[in-house]
Amino acid sequence: MNKKVKIGLIILGIILFLILLNYSGELSFMNNYLSGTPDKTCTIDSDCAIKRTTCGYCDCGDAVNKDWNVFCPFRDAHLGVLCKMCMSLNYDFEIKCVQNQCQKI
């Protein structure tokens, strides 16, 4: 076999291996490093919203800036995970902008 073909097959094999790892959720730990910290800055109450703040399967969300979105490029493995119950749409707190930070009150 030609040397270029061997290198191409090795690269293809590595790519397929990484795709399989991602599909199984084995790379989900890397989301913690890529998702960043939630943006909680605000000027008025309407700047805030309840959104997912981590890439975890059981994330119930927190009060963050409405324009901020979590970045989760890798699939999350959630087989056999038991999550706590999240608050329903009729939650018993308010989302406020307190000292330019979104908070649940």
PDB file of N, CA and C in Angstrom:
ATOM      1  N   MET A   1       0.826  -1.187   0.000  1.00  0.00           N
ATOM      2  CA  MET A   1       0.000   0.000   0.000  1.00  0.00           C
ATOM      3  C   MET A   1       0.864   1.243   0.000  1.00  0.00           C
ATOM      4  N   ASN A   2       0.349   2.234  -0.640  1.00  0.00           N
ATOM      5  CA  ASN A   2       1.005   3.529  -0.715  1.00  0.00           C
ATOM      6  C   ASN A   2       1.034   4.167   0.682  1.00  0.00           C
ATOM      7  N   LYS A   3       2.082   4.920   0.991  1.00  0.00           N
ATOM      8  CA  LYS A   3       2.228   5.563   2.295  1.00  0.00           C
ATOM      9  C   LYS A   3       1.100   6.562   2.547  1.00  0.00           C
ATOM     10  N   LYS A   4       0.678   7.308   1.541  1.00  0.00           N
ATOM     11  CA  LYS A   4      -0.404   8.290   1.684  1.00  0.00           C
ATOM     12  C   LYS A   4      -1.734   7.594   1.995  1.00  0.00           C
ATOM     13  N   VAL A   5      -1.959   6.427   1.397  1.00  0.00           N
ATOM     14  CA  VAL A   5      -3.190   5.677   1.656  1.00  0.00           C
ATOM     15  C   VAL A   5      -3.201   5.180   3.100  1.00  0.00           C
ATOM     16  N   LYS A   6      -2.060   4.699   3.596  1.00  0.00           N
ATOM     17  CA  LYS A   6      -1.975   4.234   4.979  1.00  0.00           C
ATOM     18  C   LYS A   6      -2.275   5.377   5.955  1.00  0.00           C
ATOM     19  N   ILE A   7      -1.674   6.526   5.706  1.00  0.00           N
ATOM     20  CA  ILE A   7      -1.904   7.685   6.572  1.00  0.00           C
ATOM     21  C   ILE A   7      -3.372   8.089   6.521  1.00  0.00           C
ATOM     22  N   GLY A   8      -3.955   8.077   5.336  1.00  0.00           N
ATOM     23  CA  GLY A   8      -5.369   8.411   5.179  1.00  0.00           C
ATOM     24  C   GLY A   8      -6.268   7.445   5.935  1.00  0.00           C
ATOM     25  N   LEU A   9      -5.964   6.144   5.883  1.00  0.00           N
ATOM     26  CA  LEU A   9      -6.747   5.143   6.606  1.00  0.00           C
ATOM     27  C   LEU A   9      -6.603   5.298   8.124  1.00  0.00           C
ATOM     28  N   ILE A  10      -5.415   5.638   8.575  1.00  0.00           N
ATOM     29  CA  ILE A  10      -5.205   5.860  10.010  1.00  0.00           C
ATOM     30  C   ILE A  10      -6.010   7.065  10.475  1.00  0.00           C
ATOM     31  N   ILE A  11      -5.962   8.142   9.719  1.00  0.00           N
ATOM     32  CA  ILE A  11      -6.733   9.340  10.072  1.00  0.00           C
ATOM     33  C   ILE A  11      -8.224   9.038  10.058  1.00  0.00           C
ATOM     34  N   LEU A  12      -8.698   8.328   9.068  1.00  0.00           N
ATOM     35  CA  LEU A  12     -10.104   7.940   8.991  1.00  0.00           C
ATOM     36  C   LEU A  12     -10.494   7.067  10.190  1.00  0.00           C
ATOM     37  N   GLY A  13      -9.622   6.150  10.575  1.00  0.00           N
ATOM     38  CA  GLY A  13      -9.882   5.299  11.736  1.00  0.00           C
ATOM     39  C   GLY A  13      -9.978   6.106  13.027  1.00  0.00           C
ATOM     40  N   ILE A  14      -9.094   7.081  13.185  1.00  0.00           N
ATOM     41  CA  ILE A  14      -9.130   7.938  14.378  1.00  0.00           C
ATOM     42  C   ILE A  14     -10.423   8.749  14.410  1.00  0.00           C
ATOM     43  N   ILE A  15     -10.823   9.291  13.278  1.00  0.00           N
ATOM     44  CA  ILE A  15     -12.063  10.078  13.207  1.00  0.00           C
ATOM     45  C   ILE A  15     -13.267   9.203  13.545  1.00  0.00           C
ATOM     46  N   LEU A  16     -13.322   8.012  13.000  1.00  0.00           N
ATOM     47  CA  LEU A  16     -14.434   7.101  13.305  1.00  0.00           C
ATOM     48  C   LEU A  16     -14.444   6.715  14.779  1.00  0.00           C
ATOM     49  N   PHE A  17     -13.274   6.504  15.372  1.00  0.00           N
ATOM     50  CA  PHE A  17     -13.172   6.183  16.786  1.00  0.00           C
ATOM     51  C   PHE A  17     -13.702   7.336  17.644  1.00  0.00           C
ATOM     52  N   LEU A  18     -13.349   8.570  17.300  1.00  0.00           N
ATOM     53  CA  LEU A  18     -13.832   9.739  18.043  1.00  0.00           C
ATOM     54  C   LEU A  18     -15.341   9.915  17.888  1.00  0.00           C
ATOM     55  N   ILE A  19     -15.863   9.629  16.717  1.00  0.00           N
ATOM     56  CA  ILE A  19     -17.317   9.701  16.505  1.00  0.00           C
ATOM     57  C   ILE A  19     -18.023   8.685  17.389  1.00  0.00           C
ATOM     58  N   LEU A  20     -17.487   7.478  17.458  1.00  0.00           N
ATOM     59  CA  LEU A  20     -18.074   6.449  18.323  1.00  0.00           C
ATOM     60  C   LEU A  20     -17.995   6.840  19.795  1.00  0.00           C
ATOM     61  N   LEU A  21     -16.879   7.418  20.221  1.00  0.00           N
ATOM     62  CA  LEU A  21     -16.761   7.883  21.598  1.00  0.00           C
ATOM     63  C   LEU A  21     -17.800   8.959  21.899  1.00  0.00           C
ATOM     64  N   ASN A  22     -17.987   9.889  20.962  1.00  0.00           N
ATOM     65  CA  ASN A  22     -18.972  10.953  21.154  1.00  0.00           C
ATOM     66  C   ASN A  22     -20.378  10.365  21.212  1.00  0.00           C
ATOM     67  N   TYR A  23     -20.677   9.433  20.343  1.00  0.00           N
ATOM     68  CA  TYR A  23     -22.011   8.830  20.310  1.00  0.00           C
ATOM     69  C   TYR A  23     -22.330   8.109  21.619  1.00  0.00           C
ATOM     70  N   SER A  24     -21.326   7.502  22.213  1.00  0.00           N
ATOM     71  CA  SER A  24     -21.548   6.776  23.473  1.00  0.00           C
ATOM     72  C   SER A  24     -21.548   7.709  24.680  1.00  0.00           C
ATOM     73  N   GLY A  25     -21.176   8.964  24.497  1.00  0.00           N
ATOM     74  CA  GLY A  25     -21.177   9.925  25.597  1.00  0.00           C
ATOM     75  C   GLY A  25     -19.874   9.993  26.365  1.00  0.00           C
ATOM     76  N   GLU A  26     -18.857   9.303  25.894  1.00  0.00           N
ATOM     77  CA  GLU A  26     -17.584   9.255  26.603  1.00  0.00           C
ATOM     78  C   GLU A  26     -16.828  10.583  26.568  1.00  0.00           C
ATOM     79  N   LEU A  27     -17.167  11.474  25.656  1.00  0.00           N
ATOM     80  CA  LEU A  27     -16.480  12.760  25.556  1.00  0.00           C
ATOM     81  C   LEU A  27     -17.249  13.886  26.247  1.00  0.00           C
ATOM     82  N   SER A  28     -18.355  13.563  26.914  1.00  0.00           N
ATOM     83  CA  SER A  28     -19.204  14.603  27.506  1.00  0.00           C
ATOM     84  C   SER A  28     -18.490  15.400  28.595  1.00  0.00           C
ATOM     85  N   PHE A  29     -17.476  14.818  29.245  1.00  0.00           N
ATOM     86  CA  PHE A  29     -16.745  15.547  30.285  1.00  0.00           C
ATOM     87  C   PHE A  29     -16.077  16.801  29.722  1.00  0.00           C
ATOM     88  N   MET A  30     -15.789  16.808  28.431  1.00  0.00           N
ATOM     89  CA  MET A  30     -15.134  17.965  27.812  1.00  0.00           C
ATOM     90  C   MET A  30     -16.069  19.162  27.705  1.00  0.00           C
ATOM     91  N   ASN A  31     -17.383  18.933  27.770  1.00  0.00           N
ATOM     92  CA  ASN A  31     -18.334  20.046  27.722  1.00  0.00           C
ATOM     93  C   ASN A  31     -18.121  21.018  28.869  1.00  0.00           C
ATOM     94  N   ASN A  32     -17.696  20.522  30.039  1.00  0.00           N
ATOM     95  CA  ASN A  32     -17.474  21.394  31.192  1.00  0.00           C
ATOM     96  C   ASN A  32     -16.425  22.457  30.895  1.00  0.00           C
ATOM     97  N   TYR A  33     -15.454  22.117  30.089  1.00  0.00           N
ATOM     98  CA  TYR A  33     -14.393  23.058  29.757  1.00  0.00           C
ATOM     99  C   TYR A  33     -14.791  24.007  28.636  1.00  0.00           C
ATOM    100  N   LEU A  34     -15.724  23.579  27.788  1.00  0.00           N
ATOM    101  CA  LEU A  34     -16.102  24.371  26.623  1.00  0.00           C
ATOM    102  C   LEU A  34     -17.341  25.239  26.829  1.00  0.00           C
ATOM    103  N   SER A  35     -18.191  24.879  27.782  1.00  0.00           N
ATOM    104  CA  SER A  35     -19.464  25.579  27.929  1.00  0.00           C
ATOM    105  C   SER A  35     -19.316  26.963  28.547  1.00  0.00           C
ATOM    106  N   GLY A  36     -18.286  27.197  29.310  1.00  0.00           N
ATOM    107  CA  GLY A  36     -18.067  28.499  29.910  1.00  0.00           C
ATOM    108  C   GLY A  36     -18.953  28.727  31.121  1.00  0.00           C
ATOM    109  N   THR A  37     -18.788  29.885  31.735  1.00  0.00           N
ATOM    110  CA  THR A  37     -19.596  30.220  32.903  1.00  0.00           C
ATOM    111  C   THR A  37     -20.836  30.979  32.460  1.00  0.00           C
ATOM    112  N   PRO A  38     -21.948  30.759  33.126  1.00  0.00           N
ATOM    113  CA  PRO A  38     -23.190  31.434  32.735  1.00  0.00           C
ATOM    114  C   PRO A  38     -23.086  32.955  32.887  1.00  0.00           C
ATOM    115  N   ASP A  39     -23.670  33.658  31.930  1.00  0.00           N
ATOM    116  CA  ASP A  39     -23.712  35.121  31.971  1.00  0.00           C
ATOM    117  C   ASP A  39     -24.951  35.526  32.756  1.00  0.00           C
ATOM    118  N   LYS A  40     -24.761  36.089  33.944  1.00  0.00           N
ATOM    119  CA  LYS A  40     -25.872  36.493  34.795  1.00  0.00           C
ATOM    120  C   LYS A  40     -26.064  38.002  34.804  1.00  0.00           C
ATOM    121  N   THR A  41     -25.358  38.728  33.939  1.00  0.00           N
ATOM    122  CA  THR A  41     -25.463  40.183  33.946  1.00  0.00           C
ATOM    123  C   THR A  41     -26.817  40.647  33.417  1.00  0.00           C
ATOM    124  N   CYS A  42     -27.296  41.761  33.977  1.00  0.00           N
ATOM    125  CA  CYS A  42     -28.583  42.309  33.569  1.00  0.00           C
ATOM    126  C   CYS A  42     -28.664  43.777  33.961  1.00  0.00           C
ATOM    127  N   THR A  43     -29.621  44.469  33.382  1.00  0.00           N
ATOM    128  CA  THR A  43     -29.916  45.845  33.783  1.00  0.00           C
ATOM    129  C   THR A  43     -31.357  45.965  34.271  1.00  0.00           C
ATOM    130  N   ILE A  44     -32.247  45.149  33.704  1.00  0.00           N
ATOM    131  CA  ILE A  44     -33.644  45.124  34.134  1.00  0.00           C
ATOM    132  C   ILE A  44     -34.086  43.672  34.268  1.00  0.00           C
ATOM    133  N   ASP A  45     -35.208  43.454  34.945  1.00  0.00           N
ATOM    134  CA  ASP A  45     -35.703  42.097  35.194  1.00  0.00           C
ATOM    135  C   ASP A  45     -35.941  41.310  33.915  1.00  0.00           C
ATOM    136  N   SER A  46     -36.373  41.979  32.862  1.00  0.00           N
ATOM    137  CA  SER A  46     -36.683  41.259  31.621  1.00  0.00           C
ATOM    138  C   SER A  46     -35.431  40.757  30.898  1.00  0.00           C
ATOM    139  N   ASP A  47     -34.247  41.140  31.359  1.00  0.00           N
ATOM    140  CA  ASP A  47     -32.996  40.612  30.788  1.00  0.00           C
ATOM    141  C   ASP A  47     -32.734  39.181  31.249  1.00  0.00           C
ATOM    142  N   CYS A  48     -33.455  38.722  32.269  1.00  0.00           N
ATOM    143  CA  CYS A  48     -33.190  37.424  32.887  1.00  0.00           C
ATOM    144  C   CYS A  48     -34.197  36.365  32.454  1.00  0.00           C
ATOM    145  N   ALA A  49     -33.742  35.120  32.428  1.00  0.00           N
ATOM    146  CA  ALA A  49     -34.599  33.981  32.089  1.00  0.00           C
ATOM    147  C   ALA A  49     -34.030  32.732  32.761  1.00  0.00           C
ATOM    148  N   ILE A  50     -34.873  31.715  32.919  1.00  0.00           N
ATOM    149  CA  ILE A  50     -34.403  30.422  33.424  1.00  0.00           C
ATOM    150  C   ILE A  50     -33.953  29.602  32.224  1.00  0.00           C
ATOM    151  N   LYS A  51     -32.672  29.220  32.229  1.00  0.00           N
ATOM    152  CA  LYS A  51     -32.105  28.433  31.142  1.00  0.00           C
ATOM    153  C   LYS A  51     -31.160  27.391  31.701  1.00  0.00           C
ATOM    154  N   ARG A  52     -30.889  26.377  30.883  1.00  0.00           N
ATOM    155  CA  ARG A  52     -29.867  25.393  31.246  1.00  0.00           C
ATOM    156  C   ARG A  52     -28.532  26.106  31.399  1.00  0.00           C
ATOM    157  N   THR A  53     -27.769  25.729  32.419  1.00  0.00           N
ATOM    158  CA  THR A  53     -26.473  26.369  32.644  1.00  0.00           C
ATOM    159  C   THR A  53     -25.304  25.393  32.560  1.00  0.00           C
ATOM    160  N   THR A  54     -25.607  24.099  32.447  1.00  0.00           N
ATOM    161  CA  THR A  54     -24.557  23.097  32.282  1.00  0.00           C
ATOM    162  C   THR A  54     -24.988  22.150  31.166  1.00  0.00           C
ATOM    163  N   CYS A  55     -24.104  21.279  30.799  1.00  0.00           N
ATOM    164  CA  CYS A  55     -24.412  20.305  29.758  1.00  0.00           C
ATOM    165  C   CYS A  55     -24.950  19.009  30.340  1.00  0.00           C
ATOM    166  N   GLY A  56     -25.129  18.969  31.640  1.00  0.00           N
ATOM    167  CA  GLY A  56     -25.604  17.762  32.293  1.00  0.00           C
ATOM    168  C   GLY A  56     -27.037  17.425  31.931  1.00  0.00           C
ATOM    169  N   TYR A  57     -27.342  16.152  31.951  1.00  0.00           N
ATOM    170  CA  TYR A  57     -28.672  15.663  31.608  1.00  0.00           C
ATOM    171  C   TYR A  57     -29.710  16.134  32.612  1.00  0.00           C
ATOM    172  N   CYS A  58     -29.331  16.295  33.865  1.00  0.00           N
ATOM    173  CA  CYS A  58     -30.280  16.635  34.930  1.00  0.00           C
ATOM    174  C   CYS A  58     -30.293  18.122  35.263  1.00  0.00           C
ATOM    175  N   ASP A  59     -29.806  18.974  34.394  1.00  0.00           N
ATOM    176  CA  ASP A  59     -29.771  20.406  34.665  1.00  0.00           C
ATOM    177  C   ASP A  59     -31.177  20.989  34.622  1.00  0.00           C
ATOM    178  N   CYS A  60     -31.600  21.579  35.722  1.00  0.00           N
ATOM    179  CA  CYS A  60     -32.927  22.204  35.797  1.00  0.00           C
ATOM    180  C   CYS A  60     -32.879  23.683  35.435  1.00  0.00           C
ATOM    181  N   GLY A  61     -31.710  24.226  35.250  1.00  0.00           N
ATOM    182  CA  GLY A  61     -31.582  25.614  34.845  1.00  0.00           C
ATOM    183  C   GLY A  61     -31.369  26.550  36.017  1.00  0.00           C
ATOM    184  N   ASP A  62     -31.044  27.788  35.683  1.00  0.00           N
ATOM    185  CA  ASP A  62     -30.817  28.833  36.671  1.00  0.00           C
ATOM    186  C   ASP A  62     -31.161  30.168  36.015  1.00  0.00           C
ATOM    187  N   ALA A  63     -31.202  31.212  36.813  1.00  0.00           N
ATOM    188  CA  ALA A  63     -31.485  32.554  36.295  1.00  0.00           C
ATOM    189  C   ALA A  63     -30.222  33.099  35.637  1.00  0.00           C
ATOM    190  N   VAL A  64     -30.292  33.320  34.328  1.00  0.00           N
ATOM    191  CA  VAL A  64     -29.158  33.848  33.557  1.00  0.00           C
ATOM    192  C   VAL A  64     -29.677  34.893  32.568  1.00  0.00           C
ATOM    193  N   ASN A  65     -28.748  35.569  31.912  1.00  0.00           N
ATOM    194  CA  ASN A  65     -29.114  36.525  30.875  1.00  0.00           C
ATOM    195  C   ASN A  65     -29.843  35.797  29.748  1.00  0.00           C
ATOM    196  N   LYS A  66     -30.926  36.377  29.270  1.00  0.00           N
ATOM    197  CA  LYS A  66     -31.766  35.709  28.265  1.00  0.00           C
ATOM    198  C   LYS A  66     -31.031  35.449  26.953  1.00  0.00           C
ATOM    199  N   ASP A  67     -29.965  36.195  26.674  1.00  0.00           N
ATOM    200  CA  ASP A  67     -29.224  36.022  25.424  1.00  0.00           C
ATOM    201  C   ASP A  67     -28.110  34.984  25.529  1.00  0.00           C
ATOM    202  N   TRP A  68     -27.830  34.498  26.735  1.00  0.00           N
ATOM    203  CA  TRP A  68     -26.756  33.525  26.923  1.00  0.00           C
ATOM    204  C   TRP A  68     -27.284  32.117  26.662  1.00  0.00           C
ATOM    205  N   ASN A  69     -26.485  31.296  25.995  1.00  0.00           N
ATOM    206  CA  ASN A  69     -26.832  29.899  25.742  1.00  0.00           C
ATOM    207  C   ASN A  69     -25.640  29.021  26.081  1.00  0.00           C
ATOM    208  N   VAL A  70     -25.905  27.895  26.707  1.00  0.00           N
ATOM    209  CA  VAL A  70     -24.848  26.952  27.031  1.00  0.00           C
ATOM    210  C   VAL A  70     -24.369  26.287  25.732  1.00  0.00           C
ATOM    211  N   PHE A  71     -23.065  26.020  25.653  1.00  0.00           N
ATOM    212  CA  PHE A  71     -22.471  25.405  24.467  1.00  0.00           C
ATOM    213  C   PHE A  71     -22.056  23.982  24.817  1.00  0.00           C
ATOM    214  N   CYS A  72     -22.737  23.006  24.231  1.00  0.00           N
ATOM    215  CA  CYS A  72     -22.486  21.585  24.521  1.00  0.00           C
ATOM    216  C   CYS A  72     -22.261  20.820  23.218  1.00  0.00           C
ATOM    217  N   PRO A  73     -21.035  20.821  22.692  1.00  0.00           N
ATOM    218  CA  PRO A  73     -20.798  20.152  21.417  1.00  0.00           C
ATOM    219  C   PRO A  73     -20.777  18.624  21.502  1.00  0.00           C
ATOM    220  N   PHE A  74     -20.541  18.088  22.701  1.00  0.00           N
ATOM    221  CA  PHE A  74     -20.441  16.636  22.838  1.00  0.00           C
ATOM    222  C   PHE A  74     -21.699  16.060  23.466  1.00  0.00           C
ATOM    223  N   ARG A  75     -22.110  14.933  22.966  1.00  0.00           N
ATOM    224  CA  ARG A  75     -23.314  14.257  23.439  1.00  0.00           C
ATOM    225  C   ARG A  75     -23.153  13.838  24.901  1.00  0.00           C
ATOM    226  N   ASP A  76     -24.236  13.956  25.664  1.00  0.00           N
ATOM    227  CA  ASP A  76     -24.220  13.613  27.082  1.00  0.00           C
ATOM    228  C   ASP A  76     -24.703  12.184  27.285  1.00  0.00           C
ATOM    229  N   ALA A  77     -23.949  11.413  28.037  1.00  0.00           N
ATOM    230  CA  ALA A  77     -24.365  10.044  28.372  1.00  0.00           C
ATOM    231  C   ALA A  77     -25.282  10.113  29.579  1.00  0.00           C
ATOM    232  N   HIS A  78     -26.497   9.594  29.452  1.00  0.00           N
ATOM    233  CA  HIS A  78     -27.443   9.679  30.559  1.00  0.00           C
ATOM    234  C   HIS A  78     -28.136   8.353  30.837  1.00  0.00           C
ATOM    235  N   LEU A  79     -27.487   7.273  30.539  1.00  0.00           N
ATOM    236  CA  LEU A  79     -28.072   5.962  30.792  1.00  0.00           C
ATOM    237  C   LEU A  79     -28.040   5.664  32.288  1.00  0.00           C
ATOM    238  N   GLY A  80     -29.176   5.306  32.840  1.00  0.00           N
ATOM    239  CA  GLY A  80     -29.250   4.924  34.236  1.00  0.00           C
ATOM    240  C   GLY A  80     -29.111   6.063  35.223  1.00  0.00           C
ATOM    241  N   VAL A  81     -29.375   7.287  34.797  1.00  0.00           N
ATOM    242  CA  VAL A  81     -29.258   8.440  35.674  1.00  0.00           C
ATOM    243  C   VAL A  81     -30.622   8.776  36.256  1.00  0.00           C
ATOM    244  N   LEU A  82     -30.657   8.989  37.565  1.00  0.00           N
ATOM    245  CA  LEU A  82     -31.879   9.434  38.219  1.00  0.00           C
ATOM    246  C   LEU A  82     -31.723  10.910  38.554  1.00  0.00           C
ATOM    247  N   CYS A  83     -32.641  11.720  38.074  1.00  0.00           N
ATOM    248  CA  CYS A  83     -32.565  13.161  38.281  1.00  0.00           C
ATOM    249  C   CYS A  83     -33.575  13.599  39.337  1.00  0.00           C
ATOM    250  N   LYS A  84     -33.234  14.673  40.050  1.00  0.00           N
ATOM    251  CA  LYS A  84     -34.209  15.259  40.960  1.00  0.00           C
ATOM    252  C   LYS A  84     -35.281  15.944  40.125  1.00  0.00           C
ATOM    253  N   MET A  85     -36.425  16.172  40.719  1.00  0.00           N
ATOM    254  CA  MET A  85     -37.512  16.820  39.985  1.00  0.00           C
ATOM    255  C   MET A  85     -37.219  18.309  39.829  1.00  0.00           C
ATOM    256  N   CYS A  86     -37.411  18.811  38.645  1.00  0.00           N
ATOM    257  CA  CYS A  86     -37.256  20.238  38.385  1.00  0.00           C
ATOM    258  C   CYS A  86     -38.580  20.942  38.664  1.00  0.00           C
ATOM    259  N   MET A  87     -38.471  22.242  38.895  1.00  0.00           N
ATOM    260  CA  MET A  87     -39.669  23.023  39.140  1.00  0.00           C
ATOM    261  C   MET A  87     -40.542  23.070  37.900  1.00  0.00           C
ATOM    262  N   SER A  88     -41.828  23.138  38.092  1.00  0.00           N
ATOM    263  CA  SER A  88     -42.761  23.179  36.975  1.00  0.00           C
ATOM    264  C   SER A  88     -42.886  24.606  36.451  1.00  0.00           C
ATOM    265  N   LEU A  89     -43.743  24.789  35.476  1.00  0.00           N
ATOM    266  CA  LEU A  89     -43.971  26.121  34.920  1.00  0.00           C
ATOM    267  C   LEU A  89     -44.559  27.078  35.950  1.00  0.00           C
ATOM    268  N   ASN A  90     -45.255  26.562  36.931  1.00  0.00           N
ATOM    269  CA  ASN A  90     -45.852  27.396  37.973  1.00  0.00           C
ATOM    270  C   ASN A  90     -44.912  27.484  39.174  1.00  0.00           C
ATOM    271  N   TYR A  91     -43.663  27.861  38.941  1.00  0.00           N
ATOM    272  CA  TYR A  91     -42.685  27.914  40.012  1.00  0.00           C
ATOM    273  C   TYR A  91     -43.046  29.010  41.015  1.00  0.00           C
ATOM    274  N   ASP A  92     -42.546  28.834  42.244  1.00  0.00           N
ATOM    275  CA  ASP A  92     -42.911  29.748  43.324  1.00  0.00           C
ATOM    276  C   ASP A  92     -41.787  30.728  43.666  1.00  0.00           C
ATOM    277  N   PHE A  93     -41.100  31.218  42.670  1.00  0.00           N
ATOM    278  CA  PHE A  93     -40.083  32.239  42.870  1.00  0.00           C
ATOM    279  C   PHE A  93     -40.153  33.218  41.704  1.00  0.00           C
ATOM    280  N   GLU A  94     -39.496  34.342  41.877  1.00  0.00           N
ATOM    281  CA  GLU A  94     -39.447  35.345  40.816  1.00  0.00           C
ATOM    282  C   GLU A  94     -38.026  35.443  40.286  1.00  0.00           C
ATOM    283  N   ILE A  95     -37.912  35.822  39.035  1.00  0.00           N
ATOM    284  CA  ILE A  95     -36.613  36.037  38.419  1.00  0.00           C
ATOM    285  C   ILE A  95     -36.404  37.542  38.381  1.00  0.00           C
ATOM    286  N   LYS A  96     -35.405  38.008  39.099  1.00  0.00           N
ATOM    287  CA  LYS A  96     -35.169  39.442  39.242  1.00  0.00           C
ATOM    288  C   LYS A  96     -33.727  39.784  38.893  1.00  0.00           C
ATOM    289  N   CYS A  97     -33.535  41.052  38.533  1.00  0.00           N
ATOM    290  CA  CYS A  97     -32.200  41.606  38.337  1.00  0.00           C
ATOM    291  C   CYS A  97     -31.840  42.338  39.623  1.00  0.00           C
ATOM    292  N   VAL A  98     -30.923  41.766  40.406  1.00  0.00           N
ATOM    293  CA  VAL A  98     -30.513  42.344  41.681  1.00  0.00           C
ATOM    294  C   VAL A  98     -29.041  42.714  41.590  1.00  0.00           C
ATOM    295  N   GLN A  99     -28.750  44.002  41.716  1.00  0.00           N
ATOM    296  CA  GLN A  99     -27.382  44.513  41.614  1.00  0.00           C
ATOM    297  C   GLN A  99     -26.710  44.030  40.334  1.00  0.00           C
ATOM    298  N   ASN A 100     -27.434  44.144  39.225  1.00  0.00           N
ATOM    299  CA  ASN A 100     -26.960  43.785  37.885  1.00  0.00           C
ATOM    300  C   ASN A 100     -26.611  42.310  37.732  1.00  0.00           C
ATOM    301  N   GLN A 101     -27.256  41.439  38.533  1.00  0.00           N
ATOM    302  CA  GLN A 101     -27.075  39.994  38.442  1.00  0.00           C
ATOM    303  C   GLN A 101     -28.430  39.321  38.462  1.00  0.00           C
ATOM    304  N   CYS A 102     -28.685  38.390  37.531  1.00  0.00           N
ATOM    305  CA  CYS A 102     -29.938  37.659  37.514  1.00  0.00           C
ATOM    306  C   CYS A 102     -29.985  36.695  38.692  1.00  0.00           C
ATOM    307  N   GLN A 103     -31.126  36.674  39.388  1.00  0.00           N
ATOM    308  CA  GLN A 103     -31.272  35.806  40.544  1.00  0.00           C
ATOM    309  C   GLN A 103     -32.700  35.287  40.650  1.00  0.00           C
ATOM    310  N   LYS A 104     -32.827  34.101  41.242  1.00  0.00           N
ATOM    311  CA  LYS A 104     -34.144  33.563  41.605  1.00  0.00           C
ATOM    312  C   LYS A 104     -34.428  34.019  43.023  1.00  0.00           C
ATOM    313  N   ILE A 105     -35.564  34.674  43.207  1.00  0.00           N
ATOM    314  CA  ILE A 105     -35.919  35.188  44.541  1.00  0.00           C
ATOM    315  C   ILE A 105     -37.224  34.568  44.975  1.00  0.00           C
TER     316      ILE A 105
END
